[in-house]
Amino acid sequence: MDIDEKIKKIEEEITKTPYNKATSHHIGKLKAKISKLKEESIARKSSGTKGQGFHIKKSGDSTAVLVGFPSVGKSTLLNELTNAESKIGAYEFTTLDIIPGVMEYRGAQIQIFDIPGIIAGASGGKGRGREILSVARTADLIMVVLDVFNPSHLDIIIRELRDVGIRPNEKPADVTVRRKKLGGVNLSTTVPLTHLDEETIRAIINEYGMHNADVLIRGDITIDQFIDSLEGNRSYVPMIILLNKVDLVDKSYIEELKKTIPEFIPISADKKQNIDFLKDEIFNNLDLMRIYLKPQGRKADMEEPLIVKKDSTVIEIAGKLHREFKKKFRHAKVWGSSVKFPGQKVGPDHVLQDEDILRLIVKK
């Protein structure tokens, strides 16, 4: 029995097992087995892969990747958002390589990748799917592109992303597991757990070869989240859903889809509908902000902002500019919404906001 068959057999057992307090530890153990088998499968198939892989060179302030089935309009969308020239055709597998483009927006350089269309079974290696999806693991934002006539593809795409270790729109669980030599399993929690109990946790960590450990869980988490924390190799990436070709349907059709699909952005890449709004959403979902720098004795440079992550502190920006600025930092002056009055003197831990003006004062 190969790995895929083992996984399928365990999944069938989980489906047949009613979930309740008495069976939760057994289900937890089975899910841990599946997780380990999937990691083993990925390792084997990756080591045996021949031929040229996908090599991408990142640049700019952030990266986003377009993920979707073939012929959903990703190439057309890339051309509308960026300066790329991606081949466009009304047939499957037009894009056989990864096409990068740069979207210049609000002073930011955002690199967007158009990757080949995925298919069901991509995470298992079909259609070079594992290589394709590996690009999404390292992106700062995943943009799922759906054809307005095939919205059900979303479930398949989410499943394929999860099967290669991507957790779209999730945050890692706050779990600490410390191995020890003796003493069994000791569980500490900050809130009552509604999905896990000590027996289930013990069954799961035993599956990972741990029989003595101190486990600290902060927050109410699920079995899957606990297993993810033990694996330690998950990729947590924000995701937005784009429904393309909406120019081909009426408003009532879109309203009906809202009942079954999570929040999505309706667009038409071909007719350039809602593209400006989409650019705004991309920028916001990347959690970027603009900081304008003011050298001593001169006006602030309002043409080329420094692009940083939201909630960046003064000292973090000093370090981004030059390590000597961080080392010799004295204080800073800030103009903008993060301070009470213009030119306010602030310390290293002051949190800046979008479009603040910053002047650093360093030791000479």
Foldseek 3Di string as FASTA:
>chain_A
DALVVVLVVLVVVLVPDDDDPVCLLVNLLSVLVNVVSLVVLVVVCVVPDDDDFADDDDDWDFEEEEAAAFQLCLQLLLVLQFVWNQDDDNDAFSPPHKTWGWGQDPQTTYIYIYFHYDDQCLLSCPPNSVRRLVVVLPGQEYEYRAELVCPVCVVRVCVSNVSSQEDEPDDQFPKDKAADDDDFEAEAEPDDADADDPSNVCSSVVSVVGGGIYMYGYDHDHSVSVSSVVVVPHRYHYYAYEHEPCVVDDPVSVVVVPVPDPDHHYYYSVVGGCSVVVVVVVCVSSQKAWEWEDEPPGGTDPPRTDIDHAQDWQLNVLVVVPVQLNVFFDWKFKADDQDDHHRDIGHRNRTDGHHMYMYTDGDD
